[in-house]
Amino acid sequence: MTAAVAAIVLAAGRSTRMGADNKLLCEVAGTPMVRLVVDTALASRARPINVVVGHQADQVRAALAGLKVGFVDNPAYASGLASSLRAGLGSLPQTLAGALVLLGDMPTLKSTHLDRLIEAFEAASGDAIIVPVHDGERGNPVLWPARYFPELMQLDGDVGARRLFARHAQTITEVAVEAAVLHDVDTPEALARLRSEHP
């Protein structure tokens, strides 16, 4: 089966652990981090690509100028990750089979990683939660079947969708992927390390 899978890029947070800078606007190899993530989504099979913005929304939109994405405003971004997830899911067409939830601070992801998750989703007839793993550790993005969207819409606070993993453990399919699925950039040290690897 060929499944219609969207991508939601969560790019509304305040990145408090980074200090004064909005990490999503920090450049890696000359490109804002969030643009690298969105470019990756655009190079994958996922469609549509919707970007949830909140903190410094105008600057994030400017960093993504010219890209064929939809923007979703999350005025409640300060309440945590769940509000952005709800905003993103609420923006999607009803016809989708599922959605990849990407974090805007994972610039080393590749489109091949996303497509591998979509292929696993199709192999499971669009009914499994697809979770990338590397060396036994679960990472991001996670591909959620549409039937879980109502539960995801009930989440609140700063806890992501992972709290549903235990409830639906029997429907999770793990897919082995490279280490990029574990690497988000939360601190100045992580950013410096990434820049040294991608000058």
N, C-alpha and C. Protein backbone atom coordinates (compact mmCIF):
# COMPACT_ATOMS: atom_id res chain seq x y z
N MET A 1 0.83 -1.20 0.00
CA MET A 1 0.00 0.00 0.00
C MET A 1 0.87 1.25 0.00
N THR A 2 0.38 2.30 -0.61
CA THR A 2 1.04 3.60 -0.54
C THR A 2 0.23 4.47 0.41
N ALA A 3 0.88 4.92 1.46
CA ALA A 3 0.18 5.66 2.51
C ALA A 3 0.44 7.15 2.38
N ALA A 4 -0.61 7.93 2.61
CA ALA A 4 -0.47 9.38 2.64
C ALA A 4 -0.01 9.78 4.05
N VAL A 5 1.22 10.22 4.15
CA VAL A 5 1.83 10.57 5.44
C VAL A 5 2.30 12.02 5.40
N ALA A 6 1.86 12.80 6.37
CA ALA A 6 2.30 14.19 6.49
C ALA A 6 3.52 14.27 7.41
N ALA A 7 4.13 15.44 7.43
CA ALA A 7 5.18 15.72 8.41
C ALA A 7 4.83 17.01 9.13
N ILE A 8 4.89 16.94 10.46
CA ILE A 8 4.71 18.12 11.30
C ILE A 8 6.08 18.45 11.89
N VAL A 9 6.55 19.67 11.65
CA VAL A 9 7.83 20.10 12.21
C VAL A 9 7.53 21.04 13.38
N LEU A 10 7.93 20.63 14.58
CA LEU A 10 7.67 21.42 15.78
C LEU A 10 8.78 22.47 15.93
N ALA A 11 8.42 23.74 15.70
CA ALA A 11 9.42 24.81 15.69
C ALA A 11 8.93 26.04 16.46
N ALA A 12 8.20 25.79 17.55
CA ALA A 12 7.57 26.89 18.29
C ALA A 12 8.22 27.17 19.64
N GLY A 13 9.13 26.31 20.08
CA GLY A 13 9.62 26.40 21.45
C GLY A 13 10.60 27.54 21.69
N ARG A 14 10.85 27.79 22.97
CA ARG A 14 11.71 28.90 23.37
C ARG A 14 13.17 28.53 23.49
N SER A 15 13.49 27.25 23.38
CA SER A 15 14.87 26.74 23.46
C SER A 15 15.64 27.33 24.64
N THR A 16 15.04 27.23 25.82
CA THR A 16 15.61 27.87 27.01
C THR A 16 16.99 27.33 27.38
N ARG A 17 17.26 26.08 27.09
CA ARG A 17 18.55 25.50 27.45
C ARG A 17 19.69 26.03 26.59
N MET A 18 19.34 26.70 25.48
CA MET A 18 20.37 27.25 24.61
C MET A 18 20.84 28.62 25.10
N GLY A 19 20.16 29.20 26.08
CA GLY A 19 20.52 30.54 26.53
C GLY A 19 19.73 31.59 25.78
N ALA A 20 20.38 32.66 25.38
CA ALA A 20 19.68 33.78 24.75
C ALA A 20 19.27 33.49 23.31
N ASP A 21 19.95 32.57 22.67
CA ASP A 21 19.70 32.32 21.26
C ASP A 21 18.52 31.38 21.04
N ASN A 22 17.79 31.60 19.95
CA ASN A 22 16.81 30.63 19.49
C ASN A 22 17.57 29.59 18.68
N LYS A 23 17.68 28.39 19.22
CA LYS A 23 18.53 27.39 18.57
C LYS A 23 18.09 27.11 17.14
N LEU A 24 16.80 27.21 16.86
CA LEU A 24 16.31 26.88 15.53
C LEU A 24 16.84 27.83 14.47
N LEU A 25 17.23 29.05 14.91
CA LEU A 25 17.76 30.04 13.98
C LEU A 25 19.28 30.01 13.91
N CYS A 26 19.91 29.25 14.79
CA CYS A 26 21.37 29.13 14.78
C CYS A 26 21.79 28.41 13.50
N GLU A 27 22.83 28.91 12.87
CA GLU A 27 23.26 28.35 11.59
C GLU A 27 24.22 27.19 11.78
N VAL A 28 24.03 26.19 10.93
CA VAL A 28 24.94 25.05 10.83
C VAL A 28 25.36 24.98 9.37
N ALA A 29 26.65 25.08 9.11
CA ALA A 29 27.17 25.11 7.74
C ALA A 29 26.47 26.19 6.91
N GLY A 30 26.17 27.33 7.56
CA GLY A 30 25.62 28.47 6.86
C GLY A 30 24.12 28.49 6.67
N THR A 31 23.43 27.51 7.24
CA THR A 31 21.97 27.42 7.07
C THR A 31 21.30 27.32 8.43
N PRO A 32 20.20 28.06 8.67
CA PRO A 32 19.49 27.94 9.95
C PRO A 32 19.08 26.49 10.21
N MET A 33 19.25 26.06 11.44
CA MET A 33 18.97 24.68 11.80
C MET A 33 17.57 24.22 11.37
N VAL A 34 16.57 25.07 11.61
CA VAL A 34 15.21 24.67 11.29
C VAL A 34 15.03 24.49 9.78
N ARG A 35 15.77 25.24 8.99
CA ARG A 35 15.66 25.08 7.54
C ARG A 35 16.26 23.74 7.09
N LEU A 36 17.32 23.32 7.73
CA LEU A 36 17.90 22.01 7.43
C LEU A 36 16.88 20.91 7.68
N VAL A 37 16.16 21.02 8.81
CA VAL A 37 15.17 20.00 9.14
C VAL A 37 14.02 20.01 8.13
N VAL A 38 13.55 21.21 7.78
CA VAL A 38 12.44 21.30 6.84
C VAL A 38 12.87 20.86 5.44
N ASP A 39 14.09 21.19 5.03
CA ASP A 39 14.61 20.69 3.75
C ASP A 39 14.60 19.17 3.71
N THR A 40 14.97 18.56 4.83
CA THR A 40 14.96 17.09 4.92
C THR A 40 13.54 16.55 4.74
N ALA A 41 12.58 17.18 5.41
CA ALA A 41 11.19 16.74 5.27
C ALA A 41 10.71 16.90 3.84
N LEU A 42 11.07 18.01 3.20
CA LEU A 42 10.64 18.25 1.83
C LEU A 42 11.26 17.26 0.84
N ALA A 43 12.44 16.76 1.16
CA ALA A 43 13.10 15.80 0.29
C ALA A 43 12.57 14.38 0.48
N SER A 44 11.71 14.20 1.47
CA SER A 44 11.12 12.88 1.75
C SER A 44 9.80 12.73 1.02
N ARG A 45 9.17 11.59 1.20
CA ARG A 45 7.86 11.32 0.59
C ARG A 45 6.72 11.97 1.36
N ALA A 46 6.98 12.47 2.54
CA ALA A 46 5.90 13.03 3.38
C ALA A 46 5.30 14.29 2.74
N ARG A 47 4.00 14.38 2.77
CA ARG A 47 3.28 15.58 2.31
C ARG A 47 1.91 15.60 2.98
N PRO A 48 1.41 16.75 3.38
CA PRO A 48 2.06 18.05 3.36
C PRO A 48 3.10 18.17 4.47
N ILE A 49 3.89 19.24 4.42
CA ILE A 49 4.83 19.56 5.48
C ILE A 49 4.29 20.80 6.18
N ASN A 50 3.90 20.67 7.44
CA ASN A 50 3.38 21.81 8.20
C ASN A 50 4.33 22.13 9.34
N VAL A 51 4.68 23.39 9.47
CA VAL A 51 5.63 23.85 10.48
C VAL A 51 4.87 24.64 11.54
N VAL A 52 4.99 24.20 12.79
CA VAL A 52 4.32 24.89 13.90
C VAL A 52 5.26 25.94 14.46
N VAL A 53 4.80 27.20 14.48
CA VAL A 53 5.63 28.31 14.94
C VAL A 53 4.98 28.98 16.14
N GLY A 54 5.82 29.59 16.97
CA GLY A 54 5.33 30.29 18.17
C GLY A 54 6.33 31.33 18.60
N HIS A 55 7.36 30.89 19.36
CA HIS A 55 8.43 31.79 19.80
C HIS A 55 9.16 32.34 18.57
N GLN A 56 9.30 33.67 18.50
CA GLN A 56 9.98 34.32 17.37
C GLN A 56 9.45 33.80 16.03
N ALA A 57 8.13 33.74 15.93
CA ALA A 57 7.49 33.13 14.74
C ALA A 57 7.91 33.83 13.45
N ASP A 58 8.00 35.14 13.47
CA ASP A 58 8.35 35.86 12.25
C ASP A 58 9.75 35.50 11.76
N GLN A 59 10.68 35.36 12.71
CA GLN A 59 12.04 35.01 12.33
C GLN A 59 12.12 33.58 11.79
N VAL A 60 11.35 32.68 12.39
CA VAL A 60 11.34 31.29 11.92
C VAL A 60 10.73 31.23 10.51
N ARG A 61 9.63 31.96 10.31
CA ARG A 61 9.04 32.01 8.97
C ARG A 61 10.06 32.55 7.95
N ALA A 62 10.79 33.59 8.35
CA ALA A 62 11.77 34.18 7.44
C ALA A 62 12.88 33.19 7.10
N ALA A 63 13.26 32.38 8.08
CA ALA A 63 14.31 31.38 7.85
C ALA A 63 13.86 30.31 6.88
N LEU A 64 12.55 30.16 6.72
CA LEU A 64 11.99 29.13 5.83
C LEU A 64 11.40 29.74 4.56
N ALA A 65 11.74 31.00 4.29
CA ALA A 65 11.17 31.70 3.13
C ALA A 65 11.43 30.92 1.85
N GLY A 66 10.39 30.84 1.02
CA GLY A 66 10.52 30.20 -0.28
C GLY A 66 10.26 28.70 -0.29
N LEU A 67 10.13 28.10 0.87
CA LEU A 67 9.88 26.65 0.92
C LEU A 67 8.39 26.35 0.88
N LYS A 68 8.04 25.24 0.25
CA LYS A 68 6.63 24.88 0.08
C LYS A 68 6.13 24.14 1.31
N VAL A 69 5.88 24.92 2.34
CA VAL A 69 5.38 24.37 3.60
C VAL A 69 4.19 25.20 4.07
N GLY A 70 3.40 24.60 4.94
CA GLY A 70 2.34 25.34 5.60
C GLY A 70 2.81 25.78 6.97
N PHE A 71 2.33 26.92 7.43
CA PHE A 71 2.68 27.39 8.77
C PHE A 71 1.45 27.33 9.66
N VAL A 72 1.66 26.89 10.89
CA VAL A 72 0.59 26.78 11.88
C VAL A 72 1.02 27.57 13.10
N ASP A 73 0.25 28.58 13.46
CA ASP A 73 0.59 29.38 14.64
C ASP A 73 0.12 28.69 15.91
N ASN A 74 1.00 28.68 16.91
CA ASN A 74 0.65 28.14 18.22
C ASN A 74 0.83 29.23 19.26
N PRO A 75 -0.22 30.00 19.54
CA PRO A 75 -0.10 31.08 20.53
C PRO A 75 0.16 30.56 21.93
N ALA A 76 -0.09 29.28 22.18
CA ALA A 76 0.10 28.69 23.51
C ALA A 76 1.45 27.99 23.63
N TYR A 77 2.41 28.34 22.78
CA TYR A 77 3.68 27.60 22.75
C TYR A 77 4.38 27.56 24.10
N ALA A 78 4.19 28.59 24.92
CA ALA A 78 4.89 28.64 26.21
C ALA A 78 4.42 27.54 27.16
N SER A 79 3.28 26.94 26.88
CA SER A 79 2.76 25.88 27.76
C SER A 79 3.46 24.54 27.53
N GLY A 80 4.25 24.45 26.48
CA GLY A 80 5.00 23.22 26.27
C GLY A 80 4.74 22.56 24.93
N LEU A 81 5.46 21.47 24.75
CA LEU A 81 5.48 20.74 23.48
C LEU A 81 4.11 20.26 23.03
N ALA A 82 3.28 19.83 23.98
CA ALA A 82 2.00 19.23 23.62
C ALA A 82 1.11 20.20 22.86
N SER A 83 1.18 21.49 23.20
CA SER A 83 0.34 22.46 22.51
C SER A 83 0.73 22.57 21.04
N SER A 84 2.01 22.46 20.75
CA SER A 84 2.46 22.49 19.35
C SER A 84 2.04 21.24 18.61
N LEU A 85 2.10 20.11 19.29
CA LEU A 85 1.65 18.87 18.68
C LEU A 85 0.16 18.95 18.34
N ARG A 86 -0.63 19.47 19.26
CA ARG A 86 -2.06 19.62 19.00
C ARG A 86 -2.32 20.56 17.84
N ALA A 87 -1.59 21.68 17.81
CA ALA A 87 -1.77 22.63 16.72
C ALA A 87 -1.42 22.00 15.37
N GLY A 88 -0.32 21.26 15.35
CA GLY A 88 0.12 20.63 14.11
C GLY A 88 -0.87 19.58 13.62
N LEU A 89 -1.32 18.73 14.52
CA LEU A 89 -2.28 17.69 14.14
C LEU A 89 -3.59 18.31 13.68
N GLY A 90 -4.00 19.38 14.34
CA GLY A 90 -5.26 20.02 13.98
C GLY A 90 -5.23 20.67 12.62
N SER A 91 -4.04 20.86 12.07
CA SER A 91 -3.91 21.52 10.77
C SER A 91 -3.95 20.54 9.60
N LEU A 92 -3.98 19.26 9.89
CA LEU A 92 -3.82 18.26 8.83
C LEU A 92 -5.16 17.89 8.20
N PRO A 93 -5.13 17.53 6.91
CA PRO A 93 -6.35 17.04 6.27
C PRO A 93 -6.79 15.71 6.85
N GLN A 94 -8.08 15.44 6.78
CA GLN A 94 -8.64 14.22 7.37
C GLN A 94 -8.28 12.96 6.59
N THR A 95 -7.76 13.12 5.39
CA THR A 95 -7.54 11.98 4.50
C THR A 95 -6.22 11.26 4.74
N LEU A 96 -5.42 11.74 5.67
CA LEU A 96 -4.09 11.16 5.87
C LEU A 96 -4.14 9.82 6.59
N ALA A 97 -3.16 8.99 6.27
CA ALA A 97 -3.01 7.72 6.98
C ALA A 97 -2.20 7.88 8.25
N GLY A 98 -1.32 8.89 8.28
CA GLY A 98 -0.48 9.08 9.46
C GLY A 98 0.34 10.35 9.35
N ALA A 99 1.13 10.61 10.38
CA ALA A 99 1.97 11.81 10.40
C ALA A 99 3.28 11.53 11.12
N LEU A 100 4.36 12.02 10.52
CA LEU A 100 5.66 12.04 11.16
C LEU A 100 5.77 13.31 12.00
N VAL A 101 6.20 13.16 13.24
CA VAL A 101 6.37 14.33 14.11
C VAL A 101 7.86 14.59 14.25
N LEU A 102 8.33 15.67 13.61
CA LEU A 102 9.75 16.02 13.62
C LEU A 102 10.01 17.15 14.60
N LEU A 103 11.16 17.10 15.23
CA LEU A 103 11.62 18.19 16.09
C LEU A 103 12.49 19.12 15.25
N GLY A 104 12.31 20.42 15.44
CA GLY A 104 13.05 21.39 14.63
C GLY A 104 14.52 21.48 14.94
N ASP A 105 14.99 20.72 15.94
CA ASP A 105 16.40 20.82 16.35
C ASP A 105 17.17 19.53 16.06
N MET A 106 16.79 18.81 14.99
CA MET A 106 17.49 17.57 14.63
C MET A 106 18.02 17.68 13.20
N PRO A 107 19.02 18.55 12.99
CA PRO A 107 19.46 18.87 11.62
C PRO A 107 20.27 17.79 10.93
N THR A 108 20.64 16.72 11.63
CA THR A 108 21.43 15.69 10.95
C THR A 108 20.55 14.57 10.39
N LEU A 109 19.24 14.67 10.58
CA LEU A 109 18.34 13.71 9.95
C LEU A 109 18.45 13.80 8.43
N LYS A 110 18.21 12.68 7.76
CA LYS A 110 18.21 12.64 6.30
C LYS A 110 16.83 12.21 5.81
N SER A 111 16.52 12.60 4.59
CA SER A 111 15.22 12.21 4.01
C SER A 111 15.10 10.69 3.91
N THR A 112 16.22 10.00 3.73
CA THR A 112 16.18 8.54 3.66
C THR A 112 15.71 7.93 4.98
N HIS A 113 16.04 8.58 6.10
CA HIS A 113 15.55 8.10 7.39
C HIS A 113 14.02 8.19 7.44
N LEU A 114 13.48 9.32 6.99
CA LEU A 114 12.04 9.52 7.02
C LEU A 114 11.35 8.52 6.09
N ASP A 115 11.91 8.34 4.91
CA ASP A 115 11.29 7.42 3.96
C ASP A 115 11.33 5.98 4.46
N ARG A 116 12.39 5.64 5.21
CA ARG A 116 12.45 4.29 5.77
C ARG A 116 11.32 4.06 6.78
N LEU A 117 11.00 5.09 7.55
CA LEU A 117 9.90 4.98 8.50
C LEU A 117 8.56 4.86 7.77
N ILE A 118 8.40 5.64 6.69
CA ILE A 118 7.17 5.56 5.91
C ILE A 118 7.02 4.17 5.28
N GLU A 119 8.11 3.61 4.79
CA GLU A 119 8.06 2.26 4.21
C GLU A 119 7.66 1.22 5.24
N ALA A 120 8.18 1.36 6.46
CA ALA A 120 7.80 0.43 7.53
C ALA A 120 6.32 0.58 7.88
N PHE A 121 5.85 1.80 7.86
CA PHE A 121 4.43 2.09 8.12
C PHE A 121 3.56 1.41 7.07
N GLU A 122 3.96 1.51 5.82
CA GLU A 122 3.21 0.87 4.74
C GLU A 122 3.25 -0.65 4.87
N ALA A 123 4.41 -1.17 5.25
CA ALA A 123 4.52 -2.62 5.41
C ALA A 123 3.63 -3.15 6.52
N ALA A 124 3.34 -2.28 7.50
CA ALA A 124 2.45 -2.64 8.61
C ALA A 124 1.00 -2.26 8.31
N SER A 125 0.71 -2.01 7.03
CA SER A 125 -0.64 -1.64 6.59
C SER A 125 -1.15 -0.36 7.24
N GLY A 126 -0.22 0.52 7.59
CA GLY A 126 -0.61 1.81 8.14
C GLY A 126 -1.24 1.74 9.52
N ASP A 127 -0.94 0.67 10.26
CA ASP A 127 -1.62 0.49 11.54
C ASP A 127 -0.67 0.49 12.73
N ALA A 128 0.63 0.61 12.49
CA ALA A 128 1.61 0.55 13.58
C ALA A 128 2.19 1.92 13.86
N ILE A 129 2.56 2.13 15.14
CA ILE A 129 3.35 3.30 15.51
C ILE A 129 4.81 2.98 15.16
N ILE A 130 5.41 3.79 14.28
CA ILE A 130 6.75 3.49 13.80
C ILE A 130 7.77 4.34 14.55
N VAL A 131 8.68 3.67 15.25
CA VAL A 131 9.64 4.34 16.11
C VAL A 131 11.06 4.01 15.65
N PRO A 132 11.88 5.02 15.35
CA PRO A 132 13.27 4.74 14.97
C PRO A 132 14.11 4.40 16.19
N VAL A 133 15.01 3.45 16.01
CA VAL A 133 15.91 3.09 17.11
C VAL A 133 17.34 3.03 16.58
N HIS A 134 18.28 3.33 17.47
CA HIS A 134 19.70 3.17 17.16
C HIS A 134 20.37 2.57 18.38
N ASP A 135 21.02 1.42 18.19
CA ASP A 135 21.67 0.71 19.30
C ASP A 135 20.71 0.51 20.47
N GLY A 136 19.47 0.19 20.16
CA GLY A 136 18.49 -0.11 21.20
C GLY A 136 17.82 1.09 21.83
N GLU A 137 18.23 2.30 21.45
CA GLU A 137 17.65 3.52 22.03
C GLU A 137 16.65 4.13 21.05
N ARG A 138 15.46 4.45 21.56
CA ARG A 138 14.44 5.04 20.71
C ARG A 138 14.69 6.52 20.48
N GLY A 139 14.41 6.96 19.24
CA GLY A 139 14.66 8.36 18.89
C GLY A 139 13.46 9.00 18.22
N ASN A 140 13.74 10.00 17.40
CA ASN A 140 12.72 10.75 16.67
C ASN A 140 13.15 10.88 15.22
N PRO A 141 12.21 11.11 14.31
CA PRO A 141 10.77 11.32 14.51
C PRO A 141 10.00 10.01 14.65
N VAL A 142 8.81 10.11 15.23
CA VAL A 142 7.90 8.97 15.34
C VAL A 142 6.77 9.16 14.33
N LEU A 143 6.38 8.08 13.68
CA LEU A 143 5.28 8.13 12.72
C LEU A 143 4.03 7.56 13.39
N TRP A 144 3.02 8.41 13.52
CA TRP A 144 1.79 8.03 14.22
C TRP A 144 0.66 7.77 13.23
N PRO A 145 0.00 6.62 13.31
CA PRO A 145 -1.19 6.40 12.48
C PRO A 145 -2.30 7.38 12.87
N ALA A 146 -3.13 7.71 11.90
CA ALA A 146 -4.18 8.70 12.13
C ALA A 146 -5.13 8.30 13.25
N ARG A 147 -5.27 7.00 13.50
CA ARG A 147 -6.23 6.60 14.53
C ARG A 147 -5.80 7.02 15.94
N TYR A 148 -4.54 7.40 16.09
CA TYR A 148 -4.07 7.87 17.40
C TYR A 148 -4.14 9.38 17.53
N PHE A 149 -4.49 10.08 16.46
CA PHE A 149 -4.53 11.55 16.54
C PHE A 149 -5.44 12.04 17.68
N PRO A 150 -6.64 11.45 17.87
CA PRO A 150 -7.49 11.95 18.97
C PRO A 150 -6.81 11.85 20.34
N GLU A 151 -6.07 10.76 20.57
CA GLU A 151 -5.35 10.64 21.85
C GLU A 151 -4.22 11.66 21.96
N LEU A 152 -3.51 11.86 20.86
CA LEU A 152 -2.43 12.84 20.86
C LEU A 152 -2.96 14.24 21.13
N MET A 153 -4.16 14.51 20.66
CA MET A 153 -4.77 15.83 20.86
C MET A 153 -5.15 16.07 22.32
N GLN A 154 -5.15 15.02 23.13
CA GLN A 154 -5.49 15.15 24.55
C GLN A 154 -4.26 15.44 25.42
N LEU A 155 -3.07 15.37 24.86
CA LEU A 155 -1.86 15.61 25.64
C LEU A 155 -1.76 17.07 26.04
N ASP A 156 -1.09 17.31 27.16
CA ASP A 156 -0.86 18.70 27.56
C ASP A 156 0.50 18.82 28.25
N GLY A 157 0.89 20.06 28.52
CA GLY A 157 2.16 20.29 29.20
C GLY A 157 3.35 20.13 28.27
N ASP A 158 4.49 19.82 28.85
CA ASP A 158 5.74 19.76 28.09
C ASP A 158 6.17 18.32 27.84
N VAL A 159 5.23 17.40 27.92
CA VAL A 159 5.54 16.00 27.66
C VAL A 159 5.07 15.67 26.26
N GLY A 160 5.95 15.05 25.49
CA GLY A 160 5.60 14.70 24.12
C GLY A 160 4.72 13.47 24.06
N ALA A 161 4.60 12.94 22.86
CA ALA A 161 3.69 11.84 22.60
C ALA A 161 4.18 10.50 23.15
N ARG A 162 5.42 10.47 23.62
CA ARG A 162 5.98 9.20 24.08
C ARG A 162 5.20 8.58 25.24
N ARG A 163 4.46 9.41 25.96
CA ARG A 163 3.71 8.85 27.09
C ARG A 163 2.66 7.84 26.62
N LEU A 164 2.35 7.86 25.32
CA LEU A 164 1.40 6.88 24.79
C LEU A 164 2.05 5.56 24.43
N PHE A 165 3.38 5.51 24.45
CA PHE A 165 4.08 4.29 24.05
C PHE A 165 3.67 3.09 24.92
N ALA A 166 3.64 3.30 26.24
CA ALA A 166 3.32 2.19 27.14
C ALA A 166 1.90 1.67 26.89
N ARG A 167 0.98 2.59 26.64
CA ARG A 167 -0.42 2.22 26.43
C ARG A 167 -0.59 1.40 25.16
N HIS A 168 0.26 1.66 24.17
CA HIS A 168 0.09 1.01 22.87
C HIS A 168 1.34 0.21 22.48
N ALA A 169 2.01 -0.35 23.48
CA ALA A 169 3.27 -1.04 23.24
C ALA A 169 3.14 -2.15 22.19
N GLN A 170 1.98 -2.79 22.16
CA GLN A 170 1.82 -3.93 21.25
C GLN A 170 1.72 -3.50 19.78
N THR A 171 1.50 -2.22 19.53
CA THR A 171 1.38 -1.77 18.14
C THR A 171 2.62 -1.01 17.66
N ILE A 172 3.67 -0.98 18.46
CA ILE A 172 4.89 -0.27 18.07
C ILE A 172 5.77 -1.17 17.21
N THR A 173 6.23 -0.63 16.10
CA THR A 173 7.24 -1.29 15.27
C THR A 173 8.50 -0.45 15.32
N GLU A 174 9.60 -1.05 15.74
CA GLU A 174 10.87 -0.34 15.80
C GLU A 174 11.64 -0.55 14.49
N VAL A 175 12.26 0.53 14.02
CA VAL A 175 13.02 0.48 12.78
C VAL A 175 14.44 0.95 13.07
N ALA A 176 15.42 0.12 12.75
CA ALA A 176 16.82 0.48 12.99
C ALA A 176 17.25 1.57 12.01
N VAL A 177 17.77 2.65 12.56
CA VAL A 177 18.17 3.82 11.77
C VAL A 177 19.50 4.32 12.33
N GLU A 178 20.21 5.12 11.53
CA GLU A 178 21.49 5.67 11.98
C GLU A 178 21.31 6.57 13.21
N ALA A 179 22.44 6.96 13.81
CA ALA A 179 22.43 7.68 15.09
C ALA A 179 21.77 9.05 15.01
N ALA A 180 21.56 9.58 13.81
CA ALA A 180 20.95 10.91 13.68
C ALA A 180 19.59 11.01 14.38
N VAL A 181 18.91 9.89 14.53
CA VAL A 181 17.57 9.91 15.15
C VAL A 181 17.65 10.17 16.65
N LEU A 182 18.85 10.15 17.20
CA LEU A 182 19.04 10.40 18.64
C LEU A 182 19.57 11.81 18.92
N HIS A 183 19.97 12.54 17.88
CA HIS A 183 20.73 13.77 18.07
C HIS A 183 19.87 15.02 17.89
N ASP A 184 19.40 15.56 18.99
CA ASP A 184 18.81 16.90 18.95
C ASP A 184 19.83 17.87 19.54
N VAL A 185 19.65 19.14 19.25
CA VAL A 185 20.61 20.16 19.65
C VAL A 185 19.95 21.06 20.69
N ASP A 186 20.23 20.81 21.96
CA ASP A 186 19.56 21.51 23.04
C ASP A 186 20.42 22.53 23.76
N THR A 187 21.73 22.39 23.65
CA THR A 187 22.64 23.21 24.46
C THR A 187 23.72 23.85 23.57
N PRO A 188 24.36 24.92 24.08
CA PRO A 188 25.48 25.51 23.32
C PRO A 188 26.58 24.49 23.03
N GLU A 189 26.81 23.57 23.96
CA GLU A 189 27.85 22.56 23.75
C GLU A 189 27.50 21.64 22.59
N ALA A 190 26.22 21.24 22.52
CA ALA A 190 25.78 20.37 21.42
C ALA A 190 25.88 21.10 20.09
N LEU A 191 25.55 22.39 20.09
CA LEU A 191 25.64 23.18 18.87
C LEU A 191 27.10 23.30 18.42
N ALA A 192 27.99 23.57 19.36
CA ALA A 192 29.41 23.70 19.02
C ALA A 192 29.95 22.39 18.45
N ARG A 193 29.53 21.27 19.04
CA ARG A 193 29.97 19.96 18.55
C ARG A 193 29.47 19.72 17.12
N LEU A 194 28.20 20.08 16.89
CA LEU A 194 27.63 19.90 15.56
C LEU A 194 28.35 20.77 14.53
N ARG A 195 28.63 22.01 14.90
CA ARG A 195 29.33 22.92 13.96
C ARG A 195 30.73 22.43 13.65
N SER A 196 31.37 21.79 14.61
CA SER A 196 32.72 21.28 14.36
C SER A 196 32.68 20.09 13.39
N GLU A 197 31.57 19.36 13.40
CA GLU A 197 31.41 18.22 12.50
C GLU A 197 30.90 18.64 11.13
N HIS A 198 30.22 19.81 11.07
CA HIS A 198 29.64 20.29 9.81
C HIS A 198 30.01 21.77 9.62
N PRO A 199 31.29 22.05 9.37
CA PRO A 199 31.75 23.45 9.28
C PRO A 199 31.17 24.16 8.05
